[in-house]
C-alpha atoms as a PDB file:
ATOM      1  CA  UNK A   1     -24.730   1.400  24.260  1.00  0.00           C
ATOM      2  CA  UNK A   2     -28.408   1.307  25.358  1.00  0.00           C
ATOM      3  CA  UNK A   3     -29.185  -1.505  22.927  1.00  0.00           C
ATOM      4  CA  UNK A   4     -26.227  -3.509  24.225  1.00  0.00           C
ATOM      5  CA  UNK A   5     -27.363  -3.088  27.840  1.00  0.00           C
ATOM      6  CA  UNK A   6     -30.923  -4.090  26.983  1.00  0.00           C
ATOM      7  CA  UNK A   7     -29.591  -7.145  25.201  1.00  0.00           C
ATOM      8  CA  UNK A   8     -27.536  -8.051  28.271  1.00  0.00           C
ATOM      9  CA  UNK A   9     -30.607  -7.692  30.509  1.00  0.00           C
ATOM     10  CA  UNK A  10     -32.681  -9.880  28.207  1.00  0.00           C
ATOM     11  CA  UNK A  11     -29.951 -12.510  28.109  1.00  0.00           C
ATOM     12  CA  UNK A  12     -29.709 -12.377  31.897  1.00  0.00           C
ATOM     13  CA  UNK A  13     -33.472 -12.794  32.241  1.00  0.00           C
ATOM     14  CA  UNK A  14     -33.469 -15.769  29.929  1.00  0.00           C
ATOM     15  CA  UNK A  15     -30.635 -17.329  31.894  1.00  0.00           C
ATOM     16  CA  UNK A  16     -32.529 -16.711  35.152  1.00  0.00           C
ATOM     17  CA  UNK A  17     -35.602 -18.416  33.767  1.00  0.00           C
ATOM     18  CA  UNK A  18     -33.513 -21.368  32.673  1.00  0.00           C
ATOM     19  CA  UNK A  19     -31.870 -21.607  36.090  1.00  0.00           C
ATOM     20  CA  UNK A  20     -35.260 -21.411  37.826  1.00  0.00           C
ATOM     21  CA  UNK A  21     -36.652 -24.195  35.693  1.00  0.00           C
ATOM     22  CA  UNK A  22     -33.531 -26.231  36.331  1.00  0.00           C
ATOM     23  CA  UNK A  23     -33.743 -25.745  40.108  1.00  0.00           C
ATOM     24  CA  UNK A  24     -37.415 -26.741  40.178  1.00  0.00           C
ATOM     25  CA  UNK A  25     -36.634 -29.822  38.086  1.00  0.00           C
ATOM     26  CA  UNK A  26     -33.902 -30.807  40.529  1.00  0.00           C
ATOM     27  CA  UNK A  27     -35.601 -30.104  43.872  1.00  0.00           C
ATOM     28  CA  UNK A  28     -39.138 -30.655  42.664  1.00  0.00           C
ATOM     29  CA  UNK A  29     -42.246 -28.577  43.181  1.00  0.00           C
ATOM     30  CA  UNK A  30     -41.597 -28.454  46.916  1.00  0.00           C
ATOM     31  CA  UNK A  31     -38.897 -25.821  46.474  1.00  0.00           C
ATOM     32  CA  UNK A  32     -39.179 -23.140  49.161  1.00  0.00           C
ATOM     33  CA  UNK A  33     -39.301 -19.412  48.690  1.00  0.00           C
ATOM     34  CA  UNK A  34     -35.731 -19.238  49.869  1.00  0.00           C
ATOM     35  CA  UNK A  35     -34.692 -21.466  46.996  1.00  0.00           C
ATOM     36  CA  UNK A  36     -36.483 -19.232  44.527  1.00  0.00           C
ATOM     37  CA  UNK A  37     -34.926 -16.148  46.157  1.00  0.00           C
ATOM     38  CA  UNK A  38     -31.473 -17.685  45.837  1.00  0.00           C
ATOM     39  CA  UNK A  39     -32.050 -18.315  42.151  1.00  0.00           C
ATOM     40  CA  UNK A  40     -33.333 -14.779  41.665  1.00  0.00           C
ATOM     41  CA  UNK A  41     -30.309 -13.376  43.450  1.00  0.00           C
ATOM     42  CA  UNK A  42     -28.025 -15.431  41.196  1.00  0.00           C
ATOM     43  CA  UNK A  43     -29.834 -14.106  38.133  1.00  0.00           C
ATOM     44  CA  UNK A  44     -29.451 -10.502  39.288  1.00  0.00           C
ATOM     45  CA  UNK A  45     -25.758 -11.015  39.879  1.00  0.00           C
ATOM     46  CA  UNK A  46     -25.443 -12.642  36.458  1.00  0.00           C
ATOM     47  CA  UNK A  47     -27.248  -9.801  34.727  1.00  0.00           C
ATOM     48  CA  UNK A  48     -25.136  -7.235  36.542  1.00  0.00           C
ATOM     49  CA  UNK A  49     -21.965  -9.022  35.545  1.00  0.00           C
ATOM     50  CA  UNK A  50     -23.064  -9.233  31.931  1.00  0.00           C
ATOM     51  CA  UNK A  51     -23.918  -5.538  31.850  1.00  0.00           C
ATOM     52  CA  UNK A  52     -20.592  -4.660  33.428  1.00  0.00           C
ATOM     53  CA  UNK A  53     -18.721  -6.735  30.843  1.00  0.00           C
ATOM     54  CA  UNK A  54     -20.591  -5.114  27.951  1.00  0.00           C
ATOM     55  CA  UNK A  55     -19.990  -1.616  29.296  1.00  0.00           C
ATOM     56  CA  UNK A  56     -16.292  -2.336  29.882  1.00  0.00           C
ATOM     57  CA  UNK A  57     -15.924  -3.787  26.380  1.00  0.00           C
ATOM     58  CA  UNK A  58     -17.590  -0.805  24.754  1.00  0.00           C
ATOM     59  CA  UNK A  59     -15.508   1.617  26.798  1.00  0.00           C
ATOM     60  CA  UNK A  60     -12.360  -0.212  25.756  1.00  0.00           C
ATOM     61  CA  UNK A  61     -13.431  -0.004  22.108  1.00  0.00           C
ATOM     62  CA  UNK A  62     -14.169   3.699  22.449  1.00  0.00           C
ATOM     63  CA  UNK A  63     -10.775   4.280  24.079  1.00  0.00           C
ATOM     64  CA  UNK A  64      -8.980   2.404  21.289  1.00  0.00           C
ATOM     65  CA  UNK A  65     -10.869   4.372  18.638  1.00  0.00           C
ATOM     66  CA  UNK A  66     -10.062   7.623  20.416  1.00  0.00           C
ATOM     67  CA  UNK A  67      -6.369   6.770  20.663  1.00  0.00           C
ATOM     68  CA  UNK A  68      -6.273   5.800  16.992  1.00  0.00           C
ATOM     69  CA  UNK A  69      -7.925   9.037  15.876  1.00  0.00           C
ATOM     70  CA  UNK A  70      -5.613  11.094  18.060  1.00  0.00           C
ATOM     71  CA  UNK A  71      -2.398   9.364  16.958  1.00  0.00           C
ATOM     72  CA  UNK A  72      -3.471   9.182  13.310  1.00  0.00           C
ATOM     73  CA  UNK A  73      -4.253  12.900  13.276  1.00  0.00           C
ATOM     74  CA  UNK A  74      -0.917  13.781  14.895  1.00  0.00           C
ATOM     75  CA  UNK A  75       1.054  11.667  12.406  1.00  0.00           C
ATOM     76  CA  UNK A  76      -0.857  13.159   9.465  1.00  0.00           C
ATOM     77  CA  UNK A  77      -0.126  16.656  10.757  1.00  0.00           C
ATOM     78  CA  UNK A  78       3.583  15.840  10.898  1.00  0.00           C
ATOM     79  CA  UNK A  79       3.512  14.611   7.292  1.00  0.00           C
ATOM     80  CA  UNK A  80       2.082  17.977   6.294  1.00  0.00           C
ATOM     81  CA  UNK A  81       4.812  19.978   8.020  1.00  0.00           C
ATOM     82  CA  UNK A  82       7.130  22.210   5.955  1.00  0.00           C
ATOM     83  CA  UNK A  83      10.083  20.901   8.002  1.00  0.00           C
ATOM     84  CA  UNK A  84      11.540  17.739   6.368  1.00  0.00           C
ATOM     85  CA  UNK A  85      12.737  16.370   9.720  1.00  0.00           C
ATOM     86  CA  UNK A  86       9.198  16.587  11.081  1.00  0.00           C
ATOM     87  CA  UNK A  87       7.819  14.906   7.950  1.00  0.00           C
ATOM     88  CA  UNK A  88      10.303  12.029   8.330  1.00  0.00           C
ATOM     89  CA  UNK A  89       9.196  11.654  11.938  1.00  0.00           C
ATOM     90  CA  UNK A  90       5.635  11.624  10.636  1.00  0.00           C
ATOM     91  CA  UNK A  91       6.458   8.685   8.336  1.00  0.00           C
ATOM     92  CA  UNK A  92       7.613   6.592  11.284  1.00  0.00           C
ATOM     93  CA  UNK A  93       4.719   7.816  13.420  1.00  0.00           C
ATOM     94  CA  UNK A  94       2.166   6.777  10.793  1.00  0.00           C
ATOM     95  CA  UNK A  95       3.853   3.390  10.426  1.00  0.00           C
ATOM     96  CA  UNK A  96       3.709   3.016  14.202  1.00  0.00           C
ATOM     97  CA  UNK A  97      -0.016   3.777  14.217  1.00  0.00           C
ATOM     98  CA  UNK A  98      -0.489   1.148  11.504  1.00  0.00           C
ATOM     99  CA  UNK A  99       1.479  -1.448  13.432  1.00  0.00           C
ATOM    100  CA  UNK A 100      -0.481  -0.867  16.616  1.00  0.00           C
ATOM    101  CA  UNK A 101      -3.858  -0.891  14.888  1.00  0.00           C
ATOM    102  CA  UNK A 102      -5.981  -3.877  15.836  1.00  0.00           C
ATOM    103  CA  UNK A 103      -8.138  -3.871  12.714  1.00  0.00           C
ATOM    104  CA  UNK A 104      -7.245  -4.438   9.070  1.00  0.00           C
ATOM    105  CA  UNK A 105      -9.158  -1.360   7.894  1.00  0.00           C
ATOM    106  CA  UNK A 106      -7.337   1.033  10.247  1.00  0.00           C
ATOM    107  CA  UNK A 107      -3.965  -0.291   9.144  1.00  0.00           C
ATOM    108  CA  UNK A 108      -5.047   0.070   5.514  1.00  0.00           C
ATOM    109  CA  UNK A 109      -5.994   3.671   6.253  1.00  0.00           C
ATOM    110  CA  UNK A 110      -2.449   4.405   7.463  1.00  0.00           C
ATOM    111  CA  UNK A 111      -0.915   2.664   4.445  1.00  0.00           C
ATOM    112  CA  UNK A 112      -3.153   4.693   2.129  1.00  0.00           C
ATOM    113  CA  UNK A 113      -1.800   7.920   3.643  1.00  0.00           C
ATOM    114  CA  UNK A 114       1.825   6.886   3.062  1.00  0.00           C
ATOM    115  CA  UNK A 115       1.056   5.832  -0.529  1.00  0.00           C
ATOM    116  CA  UNK A 116      -0.891   9.046  -1.031  1.00  0.00           C
ATOM    117  CA  UNK A 117       2.164  11.097  -0.056  1.00  0.00           C
ATOM    118  CA  UNK A 118       4.145   9.412  -2.831  1.00  0.00           C
ATOM    119  CA  UNK A 119       1.417  10.340  -5.322  1.00  0.00           C
ATOM    120  CA  UNK A 120       1.714  14.049  -4.512  1.00  0.00           C
ATOM    121  CA  UNK A 121       3.241  16.249  -7.246  1.00  0.00           C
ATOM    122  CA  UNK A 122       7.026  16.031  -7.125  1.00  0.00           C
ATOM    123  CA  UNK A 123       9.859  17.343  -9.254  1.00  0.00           C
ATOM    124  CA  UNK A 124      13.080  15.304  -8.845  1.00  0.00           C
ATOM    125  CA  UNK A 125      15.116  18.312  -9.976  1.00  0.00           C
ATOM    126  CA  UNK A 126      14.205  20.008  -6.700  1.00  0.00           C
ATOM    127  CA  UNK A 127      14.123  16.897  -4.493  1.00  0.00           C
ATOM    128  CA  UNK A 128      17.079  18.099  -2.432  1.00  0.00           C
ATOM    129  CA  UNK A 129      16.218  21.785  -2.531  1.00  0.00           C
ATOM    130  CA  UNK A 130      16.384  23.772   0.697  1.00  0.00           C
ATOM    131  CA  UNK A 131      13.858  26.240  -0.650  1.00  0.00           C
ATOM    132  CA  UNK A 132      10.129  26.126  -0.063  1.00  0.00           C
ATOM    133  CA  UNK A 133       9.074  28.197  -3.055  1.00  0.00           C
ATOM    134  CA  UNK A 134      10.067  28.196  -6.714  1.00  0.00           C
ATOM    135  CA  UNK A 135       9.738  31.514  -8.484  1.00  0.00           C
ATOM    136  CA  UNK A 136       9.988  31.784 -12.266  1.00  0.00           C
ATOM    137  CA  UNK A 137       9.857  35.094 -14.091  1.00  0.00           C
ATOM    138  CA  UNK A 138       9.253  35.435 -17.823  1.00  0.00           C
ATOM    139  CA  UNK A 139       9.461  38.576 -19.913  1.00  0.00           C
ATOM    140  CA  UNK A 140       7.054  39.127 -22.739  1.00  0.00           C
ATOM    141  CA  UNK A 141       8.014  41.573 -25.465  1.00  0.00           C
ATOM    142  CA  UNK A 142       5.281  43.809 -26.894  1.00  0.00           C
ATOM    143  CA  UNK A 143       3.668  42.645 -30.105  1.00  0.00           C
ATOM    144  CA  UNK A 144       4.148  44.534 -33.359  1.00  0.00           C
ATOM    145  CA  UNK A 145       0.634  45.883 -33.124  1.00  0.00           C
ATOM    146  CA  UNK A 146       1.101  47.253 -29.604  1.00  0.00           C
ATOM    147  CA  UNK A 147       0.802  51.003 -29.273  1.00  0.00           C
ATOM    148  CA  UNK A 148       3.438  51.147 -26.531  1.00  0.00           C
ATOM    149  CA  UNK A 149       6.784  49.348 -26.496  1.00  0.00           C
ATOM    150  CA  UNK A 150       6.638  48.223 -22.880  1.00  0.00           C
ATOM    151  CA  UNK A 151       7.977  44.883 -21.752  1.00  0.00           C
ATOM    152  CA  UNK A 152       5.708  42.784 -19.547  1.00  0.00           C
ATOM    153  CA  UNK A 153       7.022  40.513 -16.838  1.00  0.00           C
ATOM    154  CA  UNK A 154       5.033  37.574 -15.491  1.00  0.00           C
ATOM    155  CA  UNK A 155       6.004  35.873 -12.252  1.00  0.00           C
ATOM    156  CA  UNK A 156       4.879  32.394 -11.242  1.00  0.00           C
ATOM    157  CA  UNK A 157       5.271  31.091  -7.734  1.00  0.00           C
ATOM    158  CA  UNK A 158       5.119  27.406  -6.900  1.00  0.00           C
ATOM    159  CA  UNK A 159       5.329  25.936  -3.418  1.00  0.00           C
ATOM    160  CA  UNK A 160       7.707  22.991  -3.107  1.00  0.00           C
ATOM    161  CA  UNK A 161       8.349  20.690  -0.166  1.00  0.00           C
ATOM    162  CA  UNK A 162      11.805  21.278   1.208  1.00  0.00           C
ATOM    163  CA  UNK A 163      14.222  18.325   0.893  1.00  0.00           C
ATOM    164  CA  UNK A 164      11.370  16.025  -0.086  1.00  0.00           C
ATOM    165  CA  UNK A 165      13.570  13.335  -1.657  1.00  0.00           C
ATOM    166  CA  UNK A 166      14.678  11.981   1.714  1.00  0.00           C
ATOM    167  CA  UNK A 167      11.096  11.920   3.001  1.00  0.00           C
ATOM    168  CA  UNK A 168       9.906   9.955  -0.021  1.00  0.00           C
ATOM    169  CA  UNK A 169      12.778   7.499   0.164  1.00  0.00           C
ATOM    170  CA  UNK A 170      12.042   6.990   3.858  1.00  0.00           C
ATOM    171  CA  UNK A 171       8.458   6.052   2.981  1.00  0.00           C
ATOM    172  CA  UNK A 172       9.662   3.480   0.444  1.00  0.00           C
ATOM    173  CA  UNK A 173      12.112   2.001   2.952  1.00  0.00           C
ATOM    174  CA  UNK A 174       9.467   1.755   5.679  1.00  0.00           C
ATOM    175  CA  UNK A 175       6.913   0.145   3.353  1.00  0.00           C
ATOM    176  CA  UNK A 176       9.420  -2.332   1.933  1.00  0.00           C
ATOM    177  CA  UNK A 177      10.581  -3.341   5.406  1.00  0.00           C
ATOM    178  CA  UNK A 178       6.975  -4.283   6.207  1.00  0.00           C
ATOM    179  CA  UNK A 179       6.677  -6.303   2.981  1.00  0.00           C
ATOM    180  CA  UNK A 180       9.554  -8.660   3.657  1.00  0.00           C
ATOM    181  CA  UNK A 181       9.129 -12.142   5.089  1.00  0.00           C
ATOM    182  CA  UNK A 182      10.672 -11.448   8.477  1.00  0.00           C
ATOM    183  CA  UNK A 183       8.778  -8.222   9.208  1.00  0.00           C
ATOM    184  CA  UNK A 184       7.546  -8.075  12.801  1.00  0.00           C
ATOM    185  CA  UNK A 185       4.164  -6.839  11.584  1.00  0.00           C
ATOM    186  CA  UNK A 186       3.747  -7.613   7.866  1.00  0.00           C
ATOM    187  CA  UNK A 187       1.687  -5.437   5.538  1.00  0.00           C
ATOM    188  CA  UNK A 188       1.828  -7.827   2.575  1.00  0.00           C
ATOM    189  CA  UNK A 189      -1.905  -8.641   2.620  1.00  0.00           C
ATOM    190  CA  UNK A 190      -2.857  -5.001   2.150  1.00  0.00           C
ATOM    191  CA  UNK A 191      -3.478  -3.026  -1.035  1.00  0.00           C
ATOM    192  CA  UNK A 192      -0.943  -0.493  -2.288  1.00  0.00           C
ATOM    193  CA  UNK A 193      -1.797   2.347  -4.644  1.00  0.00           C
ATOM    194  CA  UNK A 194       1.327   3.958  -6.129  1.00  0.00           C
ATOM    195  CA  UNK A 195      -0.505   5.212  -9.224  1.00  0.00           C
ATOM    196  CA  UNK A 196       1.517   7.986 -10.983  1.00  0.00           C
ATOM    197  CA  UNK A 197       4.064   8.048  -8.151  1.00  0.00           C
ATOM    198  CA  UNK A 198       7.639   9.107  -8.906  1.00  0.00           C
ATOM    199  CA  UNK A 199      10.370   6.809  -7.586  1.00  0.00           C
ATOM    200  CA  UNK A 200      14.113   7.425  -7.533  1.00  0.00           C
ATOM    201  CA  UNK A 201      16.403   4.431  -7.007  1.00  0.00           C
ATOM    202  CA  UNK A 202      13.428   2.453  -5.719  1.00  0.00           C
ATOM    203  CA  UNK A 203      14.374  -0.673  -3.785  1.00  0.00           C
ATOM    204  CA  UNK A 204      11.545  -3.213  -3.386  1.00  0.00           C
ATOM    205  CA  UNK A 205      13.913  -6.174  -3.233  1.00  0.00           C
ATOM    206  CA  UNK A 206      12.358  -9.236  -1.547  1.00  0.00           C
ATOM    207  CA  UNK A 207       9.035  -7.441  -1.141  1.00  0.00           C
ATOM    208  CA  UNK A 208       5.903  -9.566  -1.106  1.00  0.00           C
ATOM    209  CA  UNK A 209       2.720  -8.035  -2.552  1.00  0.00           C
ATOM    210  CA  UNK A 210      -0.230 -10.358  -1.974  1.00  0.00           C
ATOM    211  CA  UNK A 211      -3.119  -7.929  -1.509  1.00  0.00           C
ATOM    212  CA  UNK A 212      -6.076  -7.851  -3.863  1.00  0.00           C
ATOM    213  CA  UNK A 213      -4.748  -4.812  -5.724  1.00  0.00           C
ATOM    214  CA  UNK A 214      -1.255  -3.420  -6.189  1.00  0.00           C
ATOM    215  CA  UNK A 215      -0.930  -0.481  -8.553  1.00  0.00           C
ATOM    216  CA  UNK A 216       2.167   1.138 -10.013  1.00  0.00           C
ATOM    217  CA  UNK A 217       0.095   2.335 -12.957  1.00  0.00           C
ATOM    218  CA  UNK A 218       1.623   5.384 -14.622  1.00  0.00           C
ATOM    219  CA  UNK A 219       4.478   5.448 -12.114  1.00  0.00           C
ATOM    220  CA  UNK A 220       7.942   6.710 -13.047  1.00  0.00           C
ATOM    221  CA  UNK A 221      11.124   4.908 -12.010  1.00  0.00           C
ATOM    222  CA  UNK A 222      14.411   6.759 -12.454  1.00  0.00           C
ATOM    223  CA  UNK A 223      17.904   6.807 -11.003  1.00  0.00           C
ATOM    224  CA  UNK A 224      20.813   4.435 -11.108  1.00  0.00           C
ATOM    225  CA  UNK A 225      18.920   1.293 -10.102  1.00  0.00           C
ATOM    226  CA  UNK A 226      15.329   0.176  -9.679  1.00  0.00           C
ATOM    227  CA  UNK A 227      15.117  -3.177  -7.924  1.00  0.00           C
ATOM    228  CA  UNK A 228      12.228  -5.621  -7.641  1.00  0.00           C
ATOM    229  CA  UNK A 229      14.701  -8.474  -7.345  1.00  0.00           C
ATOM    230  CA  UNK A 230      13.097 -11.567  -5.742  1.00  0.00           C
ATOM    231  CA  UNK A 231       9.847  -9.651  -5.292  1.00  0.00           C
ATOM    232  CA  UNK A 232       6.651 -11.707  -5.334  1.00  0.00           C
ATOM    233  CA  UNK A 233       3.386 -10.450  -6.789  1.00  0.00           C
ATOM    234  CA  UNK A 234      -0.056 -12.007  -6.487  1.00  0.00           C
ATOM    235  CA  UNK A 235      -3.545 -10.606  -6.877  1.00  0.00           C
ATOM    236  CA  UNK A 236      -4.113  -7.901  -9.492  1.00  0.00           C
ATOM    237  CA  UNK A 237      -0.860  -6.031 -10.181  1.00  0.00           C
ATOM    238  CA  UNK A 238      -0.665  -3.077 -12.555  1.00  0.00           C
ATOM    239  CA  UNK A 239       2.457  -1.497 -14.026  1.00  0.00           C
ATOM    240  CA  UNK A 240       0.341  -0.259 -16.920  1.00  0.00           C
ATOM    241  CA  UNK A 241       1.856   2.829 -18.529  1.00  0.00           C
ATOM    242  CA  UNK A 242       4.770   2.894 -16.094  1.00  0.00           C
ATOM    243  CA  UNK A 243       8.095   4.361 -17.208  1.00  0.00           C
ATOM    244  CA  UNK A 244      11.404   2.722 -16.311  1.00  0.00           C
ATOM    245  CA  UNK A 245      14.139   5.146 -17.331  1.00  0.00           C
ATOM    246  CA  UNK A 246      16.855   4.363 -14.779  1.00  0.00           C
ATOM    247  CA  UNK A 247      20.146   2.815 -15.770  1.00  0.00           C
ATOM    248  CA  UNK A 248      19.236  -0.582 -14.289  1.00  0.00           C
ATOM    249  CA  UNK A 249      15.769  -2.085 -13.847  1.00  0.00           C
ATOM    250  CA  UNK A 250      15.898  -5.414 -12.064  1.00  0.00           C
ATOM    251  CA  UNK A 251      13.048  -7.967 -11.811  1.00  0.00           C
ATOM    252  CA  UNK A 252      15.548 -10.825 -11.495  1.00  0.00           C
ATOM    253  CA  UNK A 253      14.046 -13.873  -9.719  1.00  0.00           C
ATOM    254  CA  UNK A 254      10.711 -12.068  -9.346  1.00  0.00           C
ATOM    255  CA  UNK A 255       7.498 -14.101  -9.204  1.00  0.00           C
ATOM    256  CA  UNK A 256       4.216 -13.138 -10.869  1.00  0.00           C
ATOM    257  CA  UNK A 257       1.425 -15.482  -9.789  1.00  0.00           C
ATOM    258  CA  UNK A 258      -1.693 -13.358 -10.265  1.00  0.00           C
ATOM    259  CA  UNK A 259      -2.956 -11.105 -13.051  1.00  0.00           C
ATOM    260  CA  UNK A 260      -0.178  -8.667 -13.969  1.00  0.00           C
ATOM    261  CA  UNK A 261      -0.165  -5.866 -16.531  1.00  0.00           C
ATOM    262  CA  UNK A 262       2.883  -4.151 -17.975  1.00  0.00           C
ATOM    263  CA  UNK A 263       0.716  -2.942 -20.860  1.00  0.00           C
ATOM    264  CA  UNK A 264       1.993   0.274 -22.384  1.00  0.00           C
ATOM    265  CA  UNK A 265       4.992   0.390 -20.073  1.00  0.00           C
ATOM    266  CA  UNK A 266       8.237   1.949 -21.294  1.00  0.00           C
ATOM    267  CA  UNK A 267      11.628   0.392 -20.586  1.00  0.00           C
ATOM    268  CA  UNK A 268      14.232   2.881 -21.794  1.00  0.00           C
ATOM    269  CA  UNK A 269      17.043   2.317 -19.295  1.00  0.00           C
ATOM    270  CA  UNK A 270      20.379   0.908 -20.301  1.00  0.00           C
ATOM    271  CA  UNK A 271      19.677  -2.564 -18.899  1.00  0.00           C
ATOM    272  CA  UNK A 272      16.466  -4.295 -17.881  1.00  0.00           C
ATOM    273  CA  UNK A 273      16.325  -7.839 -16.562  1.00  0.00           C
ATOM    274  CA  UNK A 274      13.505 -10.294 -15.888  1.00  0.00           C
ATOM    275  CA  UNK A 275      16.023 -13.140 -15.864  1.00  0.00           C
ATOM    276  CA  UNK A 276      15.116 -16.303 -13.930  1.00  0.00           C
ATOM    277  CA  UNK A 277      11.662 -14.856 -13.198  1.00  0.00           C
ATOM    278  CA  UNK A 278       8.587 -16.990 -12.590  1.00  0.00           C
ATOM    279  CA  UNK A 279       5.489 -16.230 -14.656  1.00  0.00           C
ATOM    280  CA  UNK A 280       2.866 -18.588 -13.262  1.00  0.00           C
ATOM    281  CA  UNK A 281      -0.217 -16.380 -13.063  1.00  0.00           C
ATOM    282  CA  UNK A 282      -3.475 -16.327 -14.940  1.00  0.00           C
ATOM    283  CA  UNK A 283      -2.108 -13.618 -17.249  1.00  0.00           C
ATOM    284  CA  UNK A 284       1.003 -11.440 -17.525  1.00  0.00           C
ATOM    285  CA  UNK A 285       0.717  -8.936 -20.353  1.00  0.00           C
ATOM    286  CA  UNK A 286       3.417  -6.786 -21.958  1.00  0.00           C
ATOM    287  CA  UNK A 287       1.127  -5.720 -24.802  1.00  0.00           C
ATOM    288  CA  UNK A 288       2.022  -2.256 -26.044  1.00  0.00           C
ATOM    289  CA  UNK A 289       5.189  -2.137 -23.954  1.00  0.00           C
ATOM    290  CA  UNK A 290       8.296  -0.632 -25.549  1.00  0.00           C
ATOM    291  CA  UNK A 291      11.898  -1.717 -25.005  1.00  0.00           C
ATOM    292  CA  UNK A 292      14.588   0.670 -26.211  1.00  0.00           C
ATOM    293  CA  UNK A 293      17.532   0.079 -23.901  1.00  0.00           C
ATOM    294  CA  UNK A 294      20.842  -1.590 -24.630  1.00  0.00           C
ATOM    295  CA  UNK A 295      19.776  -5.011 -23.330  1.00  0.00           C
ATOM    296  CA  UNK A 296      16.589  -6.501 -21.892  1.00  0.00           C
ATOM    297  CA  UNK A 297      16.743 -10.049 -20.575  1.00  0.00           C
ATOM    298  CA  UNK A 298      13.994 -12.629 -20.149  1.00  0.00           C
ATOM    299  CA  UNK A 299      16.533 -15.438 -20.042  1.00  0.00           C
ATOM    300  CA  UNK A 300      16.104 -18.750 -18.208  1.00  0.00           C
ATOM    301  CA  UNK A 301      12.640 -18.213 -16.726  1.00  0.00           C
ATOM    302  CA  UNK A 302      11.574 -20.693 -14.094  1.00  0.00           C
ATOM    303  CA  UNK A 303       8.064 -20.749 -15.505  1.00  0.00           C
ATOM    304  CA  UNK A 304       6.575 -19.151 -18.613  1.00  0.00           C
ATOM    305  CA  UNK A 305       2.797 -19.371 -18.404  1.00  0.00           C
ATOM    306  CA  UNK A 306       0.263 -17.056 -20.063  1.00  0.00           C
ATOM    307  CA  UNK A 307       2.846 -14.361 -20.878  1.00  0.00           C
ATOM    308  CA  UNK A 308       1.782 -12.088 -23.737  1.00  0.00           C
ATOM    309  CA  UNK A 309       3.888  -9.854 -26.015  1.00  0.00           C
ATOM    310  CA  UNK A 310       3.029  -7.970 -29.194  1.00  0.00           C
ATOM    311  CA  UNK A 311       5.485 -10.054 -31.213  1.00  0.00           C
ATOM    312  CA  UNK A 312       4.309 -13.495 -30.142  1.00  0.00           C
ATOM    313  CA  UNK A 313       2.866 -14.126 -33.602  1.00  0.00           C
ATOM    314  CA  UNK A 314       5.569 -12.253 -35.511  1.00  0.00           C
ATOM    315  CA  UNK A 315       9.055 -13.074 -34.272  1.00  0.00           C
ATOM    316  CA  UNK A 316      10.552 -10.711 -36.835  1.00  0.00           C
ATOM    317  CA  UNK A 317       9.194  -7.881 -34.693  1.00  0.00           C
ATOM    318  CA  UNK A 318      11.184  -8.815 -31.587  1.00  0.00           C
ATOM    319  CA  UNK A 319      13.186  -5.703 -30.571  1.00  0.00           C
ATOM    320  CA  UNK A 320      16.945  -5.987 -31.043  1.00  0.00           C
ATOM    321  CA  UNK A 321      17.594  -5.476 -27.312  1.00  0.00           C
ATOM    322  CA  UNK A 322      15.538  -8.508 -26.250  1.00  0.00           C
ATOM    323  CA  UNK A 323      17.385 -11.620 -25.071  1.00  0.00           C
ATOM    324  CA  UNK A 324      17.296 -14.507 -25.633  1.00  0.00           C
ATOM    325  CA  UNK A 325      16.717 -14.314 -29.356  1.00  0.00           C
ATOM    326  CA  UNK A 326      14.975 -17.676 -29.276  1.00  0.00           C
ATOM    327  CA  UNK A 327      11.345 -17.027 -28.420  1.00  0.00           C
ATOM    328  CA  UNK A 328       9.611 -17.895 -26.192  1.00  0.00           C
ATOM    329  CA  UNK A 329      12.578 -18.156 -23.858  1.00  0.00           C
ATOM    330  CA  UNK A 330      13.691 -21.674 -22.943  1.00  0.00           C
ATOM    331  CA  UNK A 331      13.125 -22.522 -19.286  1.00  0.00           C
ATOM    332  CA  UNK A 332      16.136 -22.459 -16.971  1.00  0.00           C
ATOM    333  CA  UNK A 333      17.837 -25.693 -16.016  1.00  0.00           C
ATOM    334  CA  UNK A 334      16.525 -25.555 -12.418  1.00  0.00           C
ATOM    335  CA  UNK A 335      12.887 -25.143 -13.469  1.00  0.00           C
END
């Protein structure tokens, strides 16, 4: 603050000197003391105004920072609550803080918290559980060499977040809503780190990821349907090592225009479709990916540029579930 005030004073002094020189140039060397006094008075007023503006600006910045810290902390506390209703409220509160943030970095900070929640340990088998603790007891029989035939019982206690499935699905819905074209405040230019996250019936339809980095590396997608239909990916996108085990995995009409990795990914669901997708990026790699479902479609792509598979040089190794059988796939008629 002191440095800013000093700077304002210096600027005011410089301006006063300039005005004094200008006045003398206009009225000549015969300028009276009253003229000089008037110029000095103007300079003082100018300096005072500049100082007042600087102080007001800094106070406004401090107030905004204080409000952000306060609201961010309150939303984070809600996300850590054992009550699922409070956690859901915390999701919307954190999104609200992000939307009202005036800087890119503060909004990214809020997004990182929501993504971080999805990366927390989660067991889908207990996603709808009303309990907050899982207790497992195991009995261990004495070994043959034991001197006493006494059974030993070991108890393990594990804290679980009550009804966490709905909280996690709320986060996905809120994020996706901000990634669609008509979002009031879009988040598409931001980075998203879903590394190792567990998704159930994930719906990213029409989402637009255009940040520098988008990671689903090591993520797990399960449930009846995983949809990235009409999603658009640019920048560096990683699905490396991801597992798609749901009944339907849909990348229909998706667009990949950056550097995308599906390396080592597993597609084991009944049906997987990349039909009518656009592969126009610098590189899209499926090296090391496995396809074991009933049918996987890459039919009628709109563009097929720099797409890499293990079997590109050995068409006899194309998995039986892959369609079309002609490889690489012929472009669609509307390409």
